[in-house]
Amino acid sequence: TSFQSLGISIAVERDERQLRRLISTPMPPAVYFLGKVWLVLVTGVLE
């Protein structure tokens, strides 16, 4: 739920240019990674 999930999903988001669009918004880059932290914590606890 952490290594495998993020390794694949972030690579797909980069390839689909989602990351490129995010970095061009006013949103601080740290927010993107904080979102991933919450994803890992919640899915890890459920697992």
All heavy atoms as atom14 arrays in JSON, in Angstrom:
{
  "sequence": "TSFQSLGISIAVERDERQLRRLISTPMPPAVYFLGKVWLVLVTGVLE",
  "atom14_mask": [
    [1, 1, 1, 1, 1, 1, 1, 0, 0, 0, 0, 0, 0, 0],
    [1, 1, 1, 1, 1, 1, 0, 0, 0, 0, 0, 0, 0, 0],
    [1, 1, 1, 1, 1, 1, 1, 1, 1, 1, 1, 0, 0, 0],
    [1, 1, 1, 1, 1, 1, 1, 1, 1, 0, 0, 0, 0, 0],
    [1, 1, 1, 1, 1, 1, 0, 0, 0, 0, 0, 0, 0, 0],
    [1, 1, 1, 1, 1, 1, 1, 1, 0, 0, 0, 0, 0, 0],
    [1, 1, 1, 1, 0, 0, 0, 0, 0, 0, 0, 0, 0, 0],
    [1, 1, 1, 1, 1, 1, 1, 1, 0, 0, 0, 0, 0, 0],
    [1, 1, 1, 1, 1, 1, 0, 0, 0, 0, 0, 0, 0, 0],
    [1, 1, 1, 1, 1, 1, 1, 1, 0, 0, 0, 0, 0, 0],
    [1, 1, 1, 1, 1, 0, 0, 0, 0, 0, 0, 0, 0, 0],
    [1, 1, 1, 1, 1, 1, 1, 0, 0, 0, 0, 0, 0, 0],
    [1, 1, 1, 1, 1, 1, 1, 1, 1, 0, 0, 0, 0, 0],
    [1, 1, 1, 1, 1, 1, 1, 1, 1, 1, 1, 0, 0, 0],
    [1, 1, 1, 1, 1, 1, 1, 1, 0, 0, 0, 0, 0, 0],
    [1, 1, 1, 1, 1, 1, 1, 1, 1, 0, 0, 0, 0, 0],
    [1, 1, 1, 1, 1, 1, 1, 1, 1, 1, 1, 0, 0, 0],
    [1, 1, 1, 1, 1, 1, 1, 1, 1, 0, 0, 0, 0, 0],
    [1, 1, 1, 1, 1, 1, 1, 1, 0, 0, 0, 0, 0, 0],
    [1, 1, 1, 1, 1, 1, 1, 1, 1, 1, 1, 0, 0, 0],
    [1, 1, 1, 1, 1, 1, 1, 1, 1, 1, 1, 0, 0, 0],
    [1, 1, 1, 1, 1, 1, 1, 1, 0, 0, 0, 0, 0, 0],
    [1, 1, 1, 1, 1, 1, 1, 1, 0, 0, 0, 0, 0, 0],
    [1, 1, 1, 1, 1, 1, 0, 0, 0, 0, 0, 0, 0, 0],
    [1, 1, 1, 1, 1, 1, 1, 0, 0, 0, 0, 0, 0, 0],
    [1, 1, 1, 1, 1, 1, 1, 0, 0, 0, 0, 0, 0, 0],
    [1, 1, 1, 1, 1, 1, 1, 1, 0, 0, 0, 0, 0, 0],
    [1, 1, 1, 1, 1, 1, 1, 0, 0, 0, 0, 0, 0, 0],
    [1, 1, 1, 1, 1, 1, 1, 0, 0, 0, 0, 0, 0, 0],
    [1, 1, 1, 1, 1, 0, 0, 0, 0, 0, 0, 0, 0, 0],
    [1, 1, 1, 1, 1, 1, 1, 0, 0, 0, 0, 0, 0, 0],
    [1, 1, 1, 1, 1, 1, 1, 1, 1, 1, 1, 1, 0, 0],
    [1, 1, 1, 1, 1, 1, 1, 1, 1, 1, 1, 0, 0, 0],
    [1, 1, 1, 1, 1, 1, 1, 1, 0, 0, 0, 0, 0, 0],
    [1, 1, 1, 1, 0, 0, 0, 0, 0, 0, 0, 0, 0, 0],
    [1, 1, 1, 1, 1, 1, 1, 1, 1, 0, 0, 0, 0, 0],
    [1, 1, 1, 1, 1, 1, 1, 0, 0, 0, 0, 0, 0, 0],
    [1, 1, 1, 1, 1, 1, 1, 1, 1, 1, 1, 1, 1, 1],
    [1, 1, 1, 1, 1, 1, 1, 1, 0, 0, 0, 0, 0, 0],
    [1, 1, 1, 1, 1, 1, 1, 0, 0, 0, 0, 0, 0, 0],
    [1, 1, 1, 1, 1, 1, 1, 1, 0, 0, 0, 0, 0, 0],
    [1, 1, 1, 1, 1, 1, 1, 0, 0, 0, 0, 0, 0, 0],
    [1, 1, 1, 1, 1, 1, 1, 0, 0, 0, 0, 0, 0, 0],
    [1, 1, 1, 1, 0, 0, 0, 0, 0, 0, 0, 0, 0, 0],
    [1, 1, 1, 1, 1, 1, 1, 0, 0, 0, 0, 0, 0, 0],
    [1, 1, 1, 1, 1, 1, 1, 1, 0, 0, 0, 0, 0, 0],
    [1, 1, 1, 1, 1, 1, 1, 1, 1, 0, 0, 0, 0, 0]
  ],
  "atom14_positions": [
    [[0.81, -1.22, 0.0], [0.0, 0.0, 0.0], [0.85, 1.27, 0.0], [0.29, 2.37, -0.13], [-0.93, 0.03, 1.23], [-0.15, -0.05, 2.43], [-1.91, -1.13, 1.19], [0.0, 0.0, 0.0], [0.0, 0.0, 0.0], [0.0, 0.0, 0.0], [0.0, 0.0, 0.0], [0.0, 0.0, 0.0], [0.0, 0.0, 0.0], [0.0, 0.0, 0.0]],
    [[2.14, 1.14, 0.15], [3.01, 2.32, 0.15], [3.97, 2.29, -1.04], [3.78, 3.02, -2.02], [3.79, 2.4, 1.47], [4.46, 1.19, 1.74], [0.0, 0.0, 0.0], [0.0, 0.0, 0.0], [0.0, 0.0, 0.0], [0.0, 0.0, 0.0], [0.0, 0.0, 0.0], [0.0, 0.0, 0.0], [0.0, 0.0, 0.0], [0.0, 0.0, 0.0]],
    [[4.95, 1.42, -1.01], [5.96, 1.34, -2.08], [5.33, 1.02, -3.43], [5.5, 1.77, -4.4], [7.0, 0.28, -1.71], [7.95, -0.05, -2.82], [9.01, 0.78, -3.12], [7.78, -1.22, -3.57], [9.89, 0.48, -4.15], [8.66, -1.53, -4.59], [9.71, -0.68, -4.89], [0.0, 0.0, 0.0], [0.0, 0.0, 0.0], [0.0, 0.0, 0.0]],
    [[4.6, -0.09, -3.5], [4.04, -0.51, -4.78], [2.98, 0.46, -5.28], [2.98, 0.85, -6.46], [3.44, -1.91, -4.64], [2.81, -2.44, -5.91], [2.29, -3.85, -5.74], [3.04, -4.79, -5.58], [0.98, -4.02, -5.79], [0.0, 0.0, 0.0], [0.0, 0.0, 0.0], [0.0, 0.0, 0.0], [0.0, 0.0, 0.0], [0.0, 0.0, 0.0]],
    [[2.08, 0.86, -4.4], [0.99, 1.75, -4.8], [1.5, 3.09, -5.32], [1.11, 3.55, -6.41], [0.05, 1.97, -3.62], [-0.96, 2.9, -3.94], [0.0, 0.0, 0.0], [0.0, 0.0, 0.0], [0.0, 0.0, 0.0], [0.0, 0.0, 0.0], [0.0, 0.0, 0.0], [0.0, 0.0, 0.0], [0.0, 0.0, 0.0], [0.0, 0.0, 0.0]],
    [[2.41, 3.73, -4.57], [2.91, 5.04, -4.98], [3.84, 4.92, -6.19], [3.81, 5.77, -7.08], [3.66, 5.7, -3.82], [2.82, 6.07, -2.6], [3.63, 6.94, -1.64], [1.54, 6.79, -2.99], [0.0, 0.0, 0.0], [0.0, 0.0, 0.0], [0.0, 0.0, 0.0], [0.0, 0.0, 0.0], [0.0, 0.0, 0.0], [0.0, 0.0, 0.0]],
    [[4.67, 3.89, -6.21], [5.6, 3.73, -7.33], [4.89, 3.66, -8.66], [5.34, 4.24, -9.66], [0.0, 0.0, 0.0], [0.0, 0.0, 0.0], [0.0, 0.0, 0.0], [0.0, 0.0, 0.0], [0.0, 0.0, 0.0], [0.0, 0.0, 0.0], [0.0, 0.0, 0.0], [0.0, 0.0, 0.0], [0.0, 0.0, 0.0], [0.0, 0.0, 0.0]],
    [[3.75, 2.95, -8.68], [3.01, 2.79, -9.93], [2.13, 4.0, -10.22], [2.14, 4.55, -11.32], [2.15, 1.51, -9.88], [3.06, 0.27, -9.79], [1.24, 1.42, -11.11], [2.31, -1.03, -9.6], [0.0, 0.0, 0.0], [0.0, 0.0, 0.0], [0.0, 0.0, 0.0], [0.0, 0.0, 0.0], [0.0, 0.0, 0.0], [0.0, 0.0, 0.0]],
    [[1.37, 4.44, -9.21], [0.39, 5.52, -9.44], [1.07, 6.83, -9.82], [0.59, 7.55, -10.7], [-0.49, 5.71, -8.21], [0.27, 6.15, -7.09], [0.0, 0.0, 0.0], [0.0, 0.0, 0.0], [0.0, 0.0, 0.0], [0.0, 0.0, 0.0], [0.0, 0.0, 0.0], [0.0, 0.0, 0.0], [0.0, 0.0, 0.0], [0.0, 0.0, 0.0]],
    [[2.18, 7.16, -9.17], [2.86, 8.43, -9.48], [3.46, 8.38, -10.88], [3.42, 9.38, -11.63], [3.93, 8.75, -8.42], [3.27, 9.03, -7.08], [4.78, 9.95, -8.85], [4.25, 9.27, -5.95], [0.0, 0.0, 0.0], [0.0, 0.0, 0.0], [0.0, 0.0, 0.0], [0.0, 0.0, 0.0], [0.0, 0.0, 0.0], [0.0, 0.0, 0.0]],
    [[4.0, 7.23, -11.26], [4.56, 7.09, -12.62], [3.46, 7.27, -13.66], [3.69, 7.91, -14.7], [5.22, 5.72, -12.77], [0.0, 0.0, 0.0], [0.0, 0.0, 0.0], [0.0, 0.0, 0.0], [0.0, 0.0, 0.0], [0.0, 0.0, 0.0], [0.0, 0.0, 0.0], [0.0, 0.0, 0.0], [0.0, 0.0, 0.0], [0.0, 0.0, 0.0]],
    [[2.28, 6.73, -13.39], [1.15, 6.88, -14.33], [0.7, 8.34, -14.38], [0.45, 8.89, -15.46], [-0.01, 5.96, -13.91], [-1.25, 6.27, -14.74], [0.39, 4.49, -14.06], [0.0, 0.0, 0.0], [0.0, 0.0, 0.0], [0.0, 0.0, 0.0], [0.0, 0.0, 0.0], [0.0, 0.0, 0.0], [0.0, 0.0, 0.0], [0.0, 0.0, 0.0]],
    [[0.6, 8.99, -13.23], [0.18, 10.39, -13.18], [1.19, 11.28, -13.91], [0.8, 12.24, -14.58], [0.04, 10.84, -11.73], [-1.17, 10.22, -11.02], [-1.18, 10.51, -9.54], [-0.26, 11.21, -9.05], [-2.1, 10.03, -8.84], [0.0, 0.0, 0.0], [0.0, 0.0, 0.0], [0.0, 0.0, 0.0], [0.0, 0.0, 0.0], [0.0, 0.0, 0.0]],
    [[2.46, 10.96, -13.79], [3.49, 11.74, -14.5], [3.35, 11.53, -16.01], [3.44, 12.48, -16.8], [4.88, 11.33, -14.03], [6.01, 12.11, -14.72], [7.38, 11.61, -14.34], [7.66, 11.84, -12.93], [7.75, 10.87, -12.0], [7.56, 9.61, -12.37], [7.98, 11.17, -10.75], [0.0, 0.0, 0.0], [0.0, 0.0, 0.0], [0.0, 0.0, 0.0]],
    [[3.13, 10.28, -16.41], [3.03, 9.97, -17.83], [1.8, 10.61, -18.45], [1.82, 11.01, -19.63], [2.98, 8.44, -18.01], [3.21, 8.02, -19.44], [4.2, 8.48, -20.05], [2.41, 7.22, -19.97], [0.0, 0.0, 0.0], [0.0, 0.0, 0.0], [0.0, 0.0, 0.0], [0.0, 0.0, 0.0], [0.0, 0.0, 0.0], [0.0, 0.0, 0.0]],
    [[0.73, 10.72, -17.66], [-0.5, 11.35, -18.16], [-0.49, 12.87, -18.0], [-1.5, 13.53, -18.22], [-1.7, 10.76, -17.42], [-1.93, 9.28, -17.72], [-3.08, 8.7, -16.92], [-3.56, 9.39, -15.97], [-3.51, 7.58, -17.22], [0.0, 0.0, 0.0], [0.0, 0.0, 0.0], [0.0, 0.0, 0.0], [0.0, 0.0, 0.0], [0.0, 0.0, 0.0]],
    [[0.64, 13.41, -17.56], [0.89, 14.85, -17.41], [0.04, 15.5, -16.32], [-0.13, 16.72, -16.31], [0.66, 15.56, -18.75], [1.59, 15.07, -19.84], [1.46, 15.84, -21.13], [2.42, 15.38, -22.13], [2.51, 15.86, -23.35], [1.72, 16.85, -23.73], [3.42, 15.39, -24.19], [0.0, 0.0, 0.0], [0.0, 0.0, 0.0], [0.0, 0.0, 0.0]],
    [[-0.47, 14.67, -15.41], [-1.2, 15.24, -14.28], [-0.27, 16.02, -13.36], [-0.65, 17.08, -12.85], [-1.88, 14.12, -13.49], [-2.99, 13.39, -14.24], [-3.66, 12.34, -13.38], [-3.87, 12.52, -12.19], [-4.01, 11.21, -14.0], [0.0, 0.0, 0.0], [0.0, 0.0, 0.0], [0.0, 0.0, 0.0], [0.0, 0.0, 0.0], [0.0, 0.0, 0.0]],
    [[0.94, 15.51, -13.15], [1.89, 16.22, -12.29], [2.31, 17.54, -12.91], [2.49, 18.54, -12.2], [3.13, 15.35, -12.05], [2.91, 14.0, -11.35], [4.26, 13.37, -11.0], [2.08, 14.18, -10.09], [0.0, 0.0, 0.0], [0.0, 0.0, 0.0], [0.0, 0.0, 0.0], [0.0, 0.0, 0.0], [0.0, 0.0, 0.0], [0.0, 0.0, 0.0]],
    [[2.46, 17.55, -14.21], [2.84, 18.79, -14.9], [1.78, 19.85, -14.73], [2.08, 21.04, -14.53], [3.07, 18.49, -16.38], [3.61, 19.67, -17.18], [3.87, 19.26, -18.61], [4.42, 20.38, -19.38], [4.75, 20.31, -20.67], [4.61, 19.16, -21.32], [5.23, 21.35, -21.29], [0.0, 0.0, 0.0], [0.0, 0.0, 0.0], [0.0, 0.0, 0.0]],
    [[0.52, 19.44, -14.78], [-0.57, 20.41, -14.59], [-0.64, 20.88, -13.14], [-0.91, 22.05, -12.87], [-1.9, 19.77, -15.02], [-2.02, 19.55, -16.51], [-3.45, 19.25, -16.91], [-3.89, 17.95, -16.41], [-3.74, 16.8, -17.08], [-3.16, 16.81, -18.28], [-4.18, 15.67, -16.58], [0.0, 0.0, 0.0], [0.0, 0.0, 0.0], [0.0, 0.0, 0.0]],
    [[-0.39, 19.96, -12.18], [-0.43, 20.33, -10.77], [0.63, 21.36, -10.42], [0.38, 22.3, -9.68], [-0.25, 19.07, -9.9], [-1.48, 18.18, -9.71], [-1.09, 16.92, -8.95], [-2.58, 18.93, -8.98], [0.0, 0.0, 0.0], [0.0, 0.0, 0.0], [0.0, 0.0, 0.0], [0.0, 0.0, 0.0], [0.0, 0.0, 0.0], [0.0, 0.0, 0.0]],
    [[1.84, 21.16, -10.94], [2.94, 22.05, -10.58], [2.74, 23.44, -11.18], [3.37, 24.42, -10.74], [4.3, 21.46, -11.03], [5.44, 22.14, -10.31], [4.47, 21.57, -12.54], [5.45, 21.96, -8.82], [0.0, 0.0, 0.0], [0.0, 0.0, 0.0], [0.0, 0.0, 0.0], [0.0, 0.0, 0.0], [0.0, 0.0, 0.0], [0.0, 0.0, 0.0]],
    [[1.87, 23.55, -12.18], [1.62, 24.86, -12.8], [0.51, 25.63, -12.07], [0.21, 26.76, -12.43], [1.22, 24.68, -14.27], [0.0, 23.97, -14.39], [0.0, 0.0, 0.0], [0.0, 0.0, 0.0], [0.0, 0.0, 0.0], [0.0, 0.0, 0.0], [0.0, 0.0, 0.0], [0.0, 0.0, 0.0], [0.0, 0.0, 0.0], [0.0, 0.0, 0.0]],
    [[-0.1, 25.01, -11.04], [-1.14, 25.68, -10.26], [-0.51, 26.36, -9.04], [0.64, 26.1, -8.69], [-2.2, 24.67, -9.79], [-1.6, 23.78, -8.84], [-2.74, 23.87, -10.97], [0.0, 0.0, 0.0], [0.0, 0.0, 0.0], [0.0, 0.0, 0.0], [0.0, 0.0, 0.0], [0.0, 0.0, 0.0], [0.0, 0.0, 0.0], [0.0, 0.0, 0.0]],
    [[-1.26, 27.24, -8.36], [-0.72, 27.9, -7.15], [-0.54, 26.95, -5.96], [0.02, 27.35, -4.93], [-1.78, 28.97, -6.84], [-2.57, 29.14, -8.08], [-2.56, 27.82, -8.75], [0.0, 0.0, 0.0], [0.0, 0.0, 0.0], [0.0, 0.0, 0.0], [0.0, 0.0, 0.0], [0.0, 0.0, 0.0], [0.0, 0.0, 0.0], [0.0, 0.0, 0.0]],
    [[-1.03, 25.71, -6.09], [-0.93, 24.77, -4.97], [0.52, 24.47, -4.63], [1.32, 24.14, -5.51], [-1.64, 23.46, -5.33], [-1.66, 22.43, -4.2], [-2.35, 20.83, -4.73], [-0.94, 20.15, -5.65], [0.0, 0.0, 0.0], [0.0, 0.0, 0.0], [0.0, 0.0, 0.0], [0.0, 0.0, 0.0], [0.0, 0.0, 0.0], [0.0, 0.0, 0.0]],
    [[0.92, 24.6, -3.35], [2.29, 24.26, -2.96], [2.6, 22.8, -3.28], [1.74, 21.92, -3.06], [2.3, 24.49, -1.44], [1.15, 25.41, -1.19], [0.12, 25.08, -2.21], [0.0, 0.0, 0.0], [0.0, 0.0, 0.0], [0.0, 0.0, 0.0], [0.0, 0.0, 0.0], [0.0, 0.0, 0.0], [0.0, 0.0, 0.0], [0.0, 0.0, 0.0]],
    [[3.78, 22.49, -3.81], [4.11, 21.1, -4.15], [3.97, 20.13, -2.98], [3.63, 18.97, -3.16], [5.57, 21.2, -4.6], [5.72, 22.61, -5.07], [4.84, 23.42, -4.19], [0.0, 0.0, 0.0], [0.0, 0.0, 0.0], [0.0, 0.0, 0.0], [0.0, 0.0, 0.0], [0.0, 0.0, 0.0], [0.0, 0.0, 0.0], [0.0, 0.0, 0.0]],
    [[4.22, 20.64, -1.75], [4.15, 19.77, -0.57], [2.75, 19.2, -0.38], [2.59, 18.11, 0.18], [4.56, 20.54, 0.68], [0.0, 0.0, 0.0], [0.0, 0.0, 0.0], [0.0, 0.0, 0.0], [0.0, 0.0, 0.0], [0.0, 0.0, 0.0], [0.0, 0.0, 0.0], [0.0, 0.0, 0.0], [0.0, 0.0, 0.0], [0.0, 0.0, 0.0]],
    [[1.71, 19.91, -0.86], [0.33, 19.44, -0.69], [0.12, 18.12, -1.42], [-0.59, 17.23, -0.93], [-0.65, 20.51, -1.19], [-2.07, 19.97, -1.22], [-0.57, 21.76, -0.32], [0.0, 0.0, 0.0], [0.0, 0.0, 0.0], [0.0, 0.0, 0.0], [0.0, 0.0, 0.0], [0.0, 0.0, 0.0], [0.0, 0.0, 0.0], [0.0, 0.0, 0.0]],
    [[0.72, 17.99, -2.59], [0.58, 16.75, -3.36], [1.11, 15.56, -2.56], [0.45, 14.51, -2.48], [1.34, 16.88, -4.68], [1.43, 15.59, -5.47], [0.32, 15.12, -6.19], [2.6, 14.85, -5.51], [0.39, 13.94, -6.91], [2.68, 13.67, -6.23], [1.58, 13.22, -6.93], [1.65, 12.05, -7.65], [0.0, 0.0, 0.0], [0.0, 0.0, 0.0]],
    [[2.26, 15.74, -1.93], [2.87, 14.64, -1.17], [2.12, 14.39, 0.14], [2.03, 13.25, 0.6], [4.34, 14.94, -0.91], [5.16, 15.04, -2.16], [5.6, 16.26, -2.65], [5.48, 13.89, -2.87], [6.33, 16.35, -3.8], [6.22, 13.96, -4.04], [6.64, 15.2, -4.51], [0.0, 0.0, 0.0], [0.0, 0.0, 0.0], [0.0, 0.0, 0.0]],
    [[1.57, 15.44, 0.74], [0.76, 15.25, 1.94], [-0.48, 14.42, 1.62], [-0.91, 13.58, 2.42], [0.34, 16.6, 2.52], [1.45, 17.4, 3.23], [0.93, 18.79, 3.6], [1.92, 16.67, 4.48], [0.0, 0.0, 0.0], [0.0, 0.0, 0.0], [0.0, 0.0, 0.0], [0.0, 0.0, 0.0], [0.0, 0.0, 0.0], [0.0, 0.0, 0.0]],
    [[-1.04, 14.64, 0.45], [-2.18, 13.83, 0.02], [-1.81, 12.36, -0.1], [-2.57, 11.48, 0.29], [0.0, 0.0, 0.0], [0.0, 0.0, 0.0], [0.0, 0.0, 0.0], [0.0, 0.0, 0.0], [0.0, 0.0, 0.0], [0.0, 0.0, 0.0], [0.0, 0.0, 0.0], [0.0, 0.0, 0.0], [0.0, 0.0, 0.0], [0.0, 0.0, 0.0]],
    [[-0.62, 12.1, -0.64], [-0.15, 10.72, -0.76], [0.1, 10.11, 0.61], [-0.12, 8.91, 0.82], [1.14, 10.69, -1.59], [0.97, 11.11, -3.04], [0.06, 10.17, -3.8], [0.0, 10.52, -5.28], [-0.98, 9.68, -6.03], [0.0, 0.0, 0.0], [0.0, 0.0, 0.0], [0.0, 0.0, 0.0], [0.0, 0.0, 0.0], [0.0, 0.0, 0.0]],
    [[0.56, 10.92, 1.56], [0.78, 10.43, 2.93], [-0.53, 9.94, 3.53], [-0.59, 8.86, 4.13], [1.4, 11.53, 3.81], [1.35, 11.13, 5.29], [2.84, 11.79, 3.4], [0.0, 0.0, 0.0], [0.0, 0.0, 0.0], [0.0, 0.0, 0.0], [0.0, 0.0, 0.0], [0.0, 0.0, 0.0], [0.0, 0.0, 0.0], [0.0, 0.0, 0.0]],
    [[-1.59, 10.72, 3.37], [-2.89, 10.32, 3.89], [-3.39, 9.04, 3.21], [-3.97, 8.16, 3.86], [-3.92, 11.43, 3.71], [-3.79, 12.52, 4.73], [-3.36, 13.8, 4.53], [-4.1, 12.41, 6.13], [-3.36, 14.5, 5.72], [-3.81, 13.67, 6.72], [-4.57, 11.39, 6.94], [-4.0, 13.92, 8.07], [-4.76, 11.63, 8.3], [-4.48, 12.89, 8.85]],
    [[-3.16, 8.94, 1.92], [-3.56, 7.74, 1.19], [-2.85, 6.51, 1.74], [-3.48, 5.47, 1.99], [-3.23, 7.91, -0.3], [-3.47, 6.69, -1.18], [-4.95, 6.34, -1.23], [-2.93, 6.94, -2.6], [0.0, 0.0, 0.0], [0.0, 0.0, 0.0], [0.0, 0.0, 0.0], [0.0, 0.0, 0.0], [0.0, 0.0, 0.0], [0.0, 0.0, 0.0]],
    [[-1.54, 6.62, 1.96], [-0.76, 5.49, 2.47], [-1.19, 5.13, 3.88], [-1.34, 3.94, 4.22], [0.75, 5.83, 2.43], [1.57, 4.81, 3.23], [1.25, 5.89, 0.99], [0.0, 0.0, 0.0], [0.0, 0.0, 0.0], [0.0, 0.0, 0.0], [0.0, 0.0, 0.0], [0.0, 0.0, 0.0], [0.0, 0.0, 0.0], [0.0, 0.0, 0.0]],
    [[-1.4, 6.12, 4.74], [-1.79, 5.85, 6.12], [-3.14, 5.14, 6.2], [-3.29, 4.13, 6.91], [-1.83, 7.14, 6.92], [-0.48, 7.75, 7.33], [-0.7, 9.08, 8.03], [0.29, 6.8, 8.24], [0.0, 0.0, 0.0], [0.0, 0.0, 0.0], [0.0, 0.0, 0.0], [0.0, 0.0, 0.0], [0.0, 0.0, 0.0], [0.0, 0.0, 0.0]],
    [[-4.13, 5.67, 5.5], [-5.48, 5.09, 5.58], [-5.51, 3.69, 4.98], [-6.03, 2.75, 5.6], [-6.5, 6.01, 4.88], [-7.87, 5.33, 4.81], [-6.6, 7.33, 5.62], [0.0, 0.0, 0.0], [0.0, 0.0, 0.0], [0.0, 0.0, 0.0], [0.0, 0.0, 0.0], [0.0, 0.0, 0.0], [0.0, 0.0, 0.0], [0.0, 0.0, 0.0]],
    [[-4.96, 3.52, 3.8], [-4.98, 2.19, 3.16], [-4.1, 1.21, 3.93], [-4.43, 0.02, 4.02], [-4.51, 2.28, 1.7], [-3.22, 2.91, 1.62], [-5.51, 3.07, 0.86], [0.0, 0.0, 0.0], [0.0, 0.0, 0.0], [0.0, 0.0, 0.0], [0.0, 0.0, 0.0], [0.0, 0.0, 0.0], [0.0, 0.0, 0.0], [0.0, 0.0, 0.0]],
    [[-3.0, 1.69, 4.51], [-2.14, 0.81, 5.3], [-2.84, 0.31, 6.55], [-2.74, -0.87, 6.91], [0.0, 0.0, 0.0], [0.0, 0.0, 0.0], [0.0, 0.0, 0.0], [0.0, 0.0, 0.0], [0.0, 0.0, 0.0], [0.0, 0.0, 0.0], [0.0, 0.0, 0.0], [0.0, 0.0, 0.0], [0.0, 0.0, 0.0], [0.0, 0.0, 0.0]],
    [[-3.56, 1.2, 7.23], [-4.31, 0.8, 8.43], [-5.4, -0.2, 8.07], [-5.6, -1.21, 8.77], [-4.92, 2.04, 9.12], [-5.93, 1.63, 10.18], [-3.82, 2.89, 9.76], [0.0, 0.0, 0.0], [0.0, 0.0, 0.0], [0.0, 0.0, 0.0], [0.0, 0.0, 0.0], [0.0, 0.0, 0.0], [0.0, 0.0, 0.0], [0.0, 0.0, 0.0]],
    [[-6.11, 0.05, 6.97], [-7.16, -0.87, 6.54], [-6.58, -2.23, 6.16], [-7.15, -3.28, 6.5], [-7.93, -0.27, 5.36], [-8.79, 0.95, 5.66], [-9.4, 1.5, 4.37], [-9.89, 0.6, 6.64], [0.0, 0.0, 0.0], [0.0, 0.0, 0.0], [0.0, 0.0, 0.0], [0.0, 0.0, 0.0], [0.0, 0.0, 0.0], [0.0, 0.0, 0.0]],
    [[-5.44, -2.21, 5.46], [-4.79, -3.47, 5.08], [-4.38, -4.27, 6.31], [-4.62, -5.49, 6.39], [-3.55, -3.18, 4.22], [-2.83, -4.41, 3.7], [-3.54, -5.04, 2.53], [-3.28, -4.63, 1.39], [-4.39, -5.94, 2.77], [0.0, 0.0, 0.0], [0.0, 0.0, 0.0], [0.0, 0.0, 0.0], [0.0, 0.0, 0.0], [0.0, 0.0, 0.0]]
  ]
}
